[in-house]
Amino acid sequence: MELSAHAAAVRDVAAAVQAVRALGKPVVTFGGFGELGYEDEAQVLERCSAELDRHDPARTLVATGTLLTEGFRSGIAMVYALAKARGFTTAGIHPSVALHHAKRHAIAPGVDHVFMVDDATWGGVDDAGMPSSTLQVLLAVSDEFIVFGGGHHTAHELLAFLQAGKPVRFHDAPMHRATTERWCRDSGARIGDYRGAAFHVWRSRHADA
């Protein structure tokens, strides 16, 4: 789905929260790796299916904050196809900064409702360490956060949900190694652990579990 088609529908935090709540359904939000994908996609799909099967499709809205990136993998956006096959209503909650990169990003197939949040960041926390506008919306509308691995943005989201006392379910799901290595070569970035930053947030909070 063309991202630029939603340029006129950017909302501030309060308006975005109101619009999501107007759908009248509890929200289950999935988080995790985006364009770097998963090493074991079959396992992630199986576990996502099991998580979806815990919920009533007629009464639940399934959301993510993940867009598709040209030339990369779908990551947690894979959940949309699973959700639609089960009859769920779906939503994407995304930062408006993505509109400046609309040629490289797209809404995943299977998204029923798109909410663009006025946000100059890519989510997570801002430079001052405060929740970004998009994260504020996710925190306000989500009744449960289901996480499959994830990098720094997901780690910020996971920590915010834990600190807010929201229900969280976490699955260890390492990123796709070949895609990540290609991205590192092209960008000069370094990845020290393919399990991602979110894994370490979860482990640090459950060290004694």
Protein backbone atom coordinates (compact mmCIF):
# COMPACT_ATOMS: atom_id res chain seq x y z
CA MET A 1 0.00 0.00 0.00
CA GLU A 2 1.37 3.42 -0.95
CA LEU A 3 2.60 5.28 2.12
CA SER A 4 2.20 8.70 0.52
CA ALA A 5 -1.56 8.18 0.31
CA HIS A 6 -1.73 8.82 4.06
CA ALA A 7 0.15 12.13 4.10
CA ALA A 8 -3.04 14.13 4.66
CA ALA A 9 -4.11 12.02 7.64
CA VAL A 10 -1.30 12.75 10.11
CA ARG A 11 -2.65 13.04 13.66
CA ASP A 12 -1.22 14.30 16.93
CA VAL A 13 -1.07 11.89 19.89
CA ALA A 14 -4.51 12.69 21.30
CA ALA A 15 -6.22 12.46 17.91
CA ALA A 16 -4.47 9.21 17.03
CA VAL A 17 -5.44 7.64 20.35
CA GLN A 18 -9.03 8.75 19.87
CA ALA A 19 -9.13 7.34 16.34
CA VAL A 20 -7.80 3.93 17.39
CA ARG A 21 -10.15 3.73 20.36
CA ALA A 22 -13.07 4.66 18.11
CA LEU A 23 -12.71 1.23 16.49
CA GLY A 24 -14.08 -0.13 19.75
CA LYS A 25 -11.82 -3.16 20.16
CA PRO A 26 -9.06 -4.17 22.59
CA VAL A 27 -5.68 -3.79 20.88
CA VAL A 28 -3.01 -6.49 20.75
CA THR A 29 0.21 -4.96 19.44
CA PHE A 30 3.05 -7.04 17.99
CA GLY A 31 6.60 -5.72 18.09
CA GLY A 32 9.98 -6.99 16.97
CA PHE A 33 12.45 -6.84 14.13
CA GLY A 34 11.37 -5.02 10.99
CA GLU A 35 13.46 -4.97 7.84
CA LEU A 36 16.20 -7.22 9.26
CA GLY A 37 13.69 -10.04 9.60
CA TYR A 38 14.10 -13.34 11.43
CA GLU A 39 16.55 -16.20 11.06
CA ASP A 40 13.82 -18.77 11.67
CA GLU A 41 10.75 -17.29 10.01
CA ALA A 42 8.82 -20.55 10.22
CA GLN A 43 9.18 -20.62 13.99
CA VAL A 44 8.16 -16.97 14.32
CA LEU A 45 5.09 -17.58 12.16
CA GLU A 46 4.17 -20.61 14.27
CA ARG A 47 4.52 -18.66 17.51
CA CYS A 48 2.63 -15.66 16.11
CA SER A 49 -0.18 -18.01 15.12
CA ALA A 50 -0.30 -19.41 18.64
CA GLU A 51 -0.44 -15.90 20.10
CA LEU A 52 -3.24 -14.88 17.75
CA ASP A 53 -5.19 -18.01 18.64
CA ARG A 54 -5.37 -16.76 22.24
CA HIS A 55 -7.67 -13.96 21.10
CA ASP A 56 -11.14 -13.62 19.59
CA PRO A 57 -10.88 -12.25 16.02
CA ALA A 58 -14.32 -10.65 16.27
CA ARG A 59 -13.36 -8.61 19.31
CA THR A 60 -9.65 -7.84 18.86
CA LEU A 61 -7.64 -5.33 16.84
CA VAL A 62 -4.16 -6.54 15.83
CA ALA A 63 -1.58 -3.79 15.36
CA THR A 64 2.12 -3.23 14.72
CA GLY A 65 4.28 -0.19 14.13
CA THR A 66 6.29 -1.88 11.39
CA LEU A 67 6.48 -0.75 7.77
CA LEU A 68 7.95 -2.65 4.84
CA THR A 69 11.33 -1.45 3.58
CA GLU A 70 12.34 -1.88 -0.05
CA GLY A 71 14.98 -4.57 -0.50
CA PHE A 72 14.61 -6.00 2.99
CA ARG A 73 12.51 -8.52 4.88
CA SER A 74 8.99 -8.15 6.33
CA GLY A 75 9.91 -8.90 9.93
CA ILE A 76 7.04 -8.77 12.40
CA ALA A 77 4.77 -7.33 9.68
CA MET A 78 4.36 -11.00 8.71
CA VAL A 79 1.71 -11.15 11.43
CA TYR A 80 -0.78 -9.23 9.29
CA ALA A 81 -1.33 -12.08 6.85
CA LEU A 82 -1.86 -14.49 9.74
CA ALA A 83 -4.28 -12.10 11.40
CA LYS A 84 -6.33 -11.51 8.26
CA ALA A 85 -6.56 -15.25 7.59
CA ARG A 86 -8.18 -15.59 11.02
CA GLY A 87 -10.60 -12.72 10.51
CA PHE A 88 -8.96 -10.08 12.72
CA THR A 89 -9.24 -6.36 12.04
CA THR A 90 -5.75 -4.91 11.69
CA ALA A 91 -4.02 -1.57 12.08
CA GLY A 92 -0.66 0.06 11.50
CA ILE A 93 0.49 2.86 13.83
CA HIS A 94 3.41 4.69 12.24
CA PRO A 95 5.51 7.86 12.67
CA SER A 96 5.01 10.59 10.11
CA VAL A 97 8.79 10.79 9.50
CA ALA A 98 8.30 7.75 7.27
CA LEU A 99 6.41 9.94 4.80
CA HIS A 100 9.72 11.63 3.96
CA HIS A 101 11.02 8.23 2.87
CA ALA A 102 7.88 7.02 1.09
CA LYS A 103 9.80 5.66 -1.90
CA ARG A 104 11.56 3.13 0.33
CA HIS A 105 8.73 2.28 2.72
CA ALA A 106 5.24 0.88 2.31
CA ILE A 107 2.27 -0.22 4.36
CA ALA A 108 2.21 -4.01 4.67
CA PRO A 109 -0.54 -5.91 2.83
CA GLY A 110 -3.42 -6.80 5.10
CA VAL A 111 -3.54 -3.54 7.07
CA ASP A 112 -7.13 -2.34 7.40
CA HIS A 113 -6.55 0.95 9.23
CA VAL A 114 -3.47 3.19 8.99
CA PHE A 115 -2.73 5.77 11.69
CA MET A 116 0.10 8.21 10.97
CA VAL A 117 1.33 9.95 14.12
CA ASP A 118 2.97 13.38 13.97
CA ASP A 119 6.47 12.24 14.94
CA ALA A 120 9.91 13.32 13.73
CA THR A 121 11.51 10.16 15.16
CA TRP A 122 11.30 6.52 14.09
CA GLY A 123 9.71 5.56 17.39
CA GLY A 124 11.16 4.37 20.66
CA VAL A 125 12.38 7.32 22.70
CA ASP A 126 13.46 10.78 21.57
CA ASP A 127 16.83 12.45 22.09
CA ALA A 128 15.81 13.48 25.61
CA GLY A 129 14.95 9.89 26.51
CA MET A 130 11.21 10.53 26.53
CA PRO A 131 8.69 8.30 24.74
CA SER A 132 8.24 9.40 21.13
CA SER A 133 4.78 10.43 19.97
CA THR A 134 4.30 7.06 18.28
CA LEU A 135 5.30 5.18 21.42
CA GLN A 136 2.90 7.33 23.45
CA VAL A 137 0.07 6.22 21.17
CA LEU A 138 1.08 2.56 21.35
CA LEU A 139 1.21 2.73 25.15
CA ALA A 140 -2.17 4.42 25.36
CA VAL A 141 -4.11 2.09 23.07
CA SER A 142 -2.45 -1.32 23.52
CA ASP A 143 -3.95 -3.83 25.91
CA GLU A 144 -1.15 -6.33 25.34
CA PHE A 145 2.31 -6.13 23.76
CA ILE A 146 3.67 -9.31 22.15
CA VAL A 147 7.33 -9.05 21.23
CA PHE A 148 9.50 -11.23 18.99
CA GLY A 149 13.09 -10.14 19.44
CA GLY A 150 13.78 -6.63 18.21
CA GLY A 151 16.41 -3.91 18.02
CA HIS A 152 16.84 -0.65 19.89
CA HIS A 153 13.44 0.85 19.05
CA THR A 154 11.69 -2.33 20.15
CA ALA A 155 13.84 -2.39 23.28
CA HIS A 156 12.66 1.13 24.13
CA GLU A 157 9.07 0.10 23.53
CA LEU A 158 9.42 -3.05 25.59
CA LEU A 159 10.93 -1.18 28.53
CA ALA A 160 8.19 1.47 28.38
CA PHE A 161 5.46 -1.18 28.40
CA LEU A 162 7.09 -2.99 31.33
CA GLN A 163 7.48 0.24 33.28
CA ALA A 164 3.83 1.08 32.62
CA GLY A 165 2.75 -2.29 33.98
CA LYS A 166 1.14 -3.33 30.70
CA PRO A 167 0.82 -7.05 29.86
CA VAL A 168 3.85 -8.16 27.83
CA ARG A 169 4.76 -11.50 26.26
CA PHE A 170 8.28 -11.94 24.89
CA HIS A 171 9.73 -14.49 22.47
CA ASP A 172 13.45 -14.84 21.80
CA ALA A 173 13.72 -14.66 18.00
CA PRO A 174 17.12 -13.75 16.49
CA MET A 175 17.36 -11.49 13.45
CA HIS A 176 18.06 -12.84 9.95
CA ARG A 177 21.82 -13.22 9.84
CA ALA A 178 22.50 -12.81 6.10
CA THR A 179 20.27 -9.74 5.79
CA THR A 180 21.83 -8.19 8.89
CA GLU A 181 25.36 -8.82 7.65
CA ARG A 182 24.53 -7.18 4.31
CA TRP A 183 23.03 -4.18 6.11
CA CYS A 184 26.12 -3.90 8.31
CA ARG A 185 28.43 -3.95 5.28
CA ASP A 186 26.41 -1.27 3.52
CA SER A 187 25.83 1.01 6.52
CA GLY A 188 28.98 0.50 8.54
CA ALA A 189 26.89 -0.51 11.55
CA ARG A 190 27.96 -3.27 13.92
CA ILE A 191 25.73 -5.90 15.47
CA GLY A 192 27.15 -7.60 18.53
CA ASP A 193 24.29 -9.98 19.22
CA TYR A 194 21.77 -11.30 16.69
CA ARG A 195 19.19 -11.69 19.45
CA GLY A 196 18.85 -7.88 19.49
CA ALA A 197 18.60 -5.22 22.17
CA ALA A 198 15.06 -6.14 23.21
CA PHE A 199 16.25 -9.58 24.32
CA HIS A 200 18.65 -7.98 26.78
CA VAL A 201 15.97 -5.66 28.18
CA TRP A 202 13.74 -8.66 28.79
CA ARG A 203 16.54 -10.75 30.31
CA SER A 204 17.61 -7.93 32.63
CA ARG A 205 14.05 -7.57 33.91
CA HIS A 206 13.60 -11.32 34.37
CA ALA A 207 17.06 -12.35 35.54
CA ASP A 208 15.62 -14.24 38.49
CA ALA A 209 12.64 -15.70 36.65
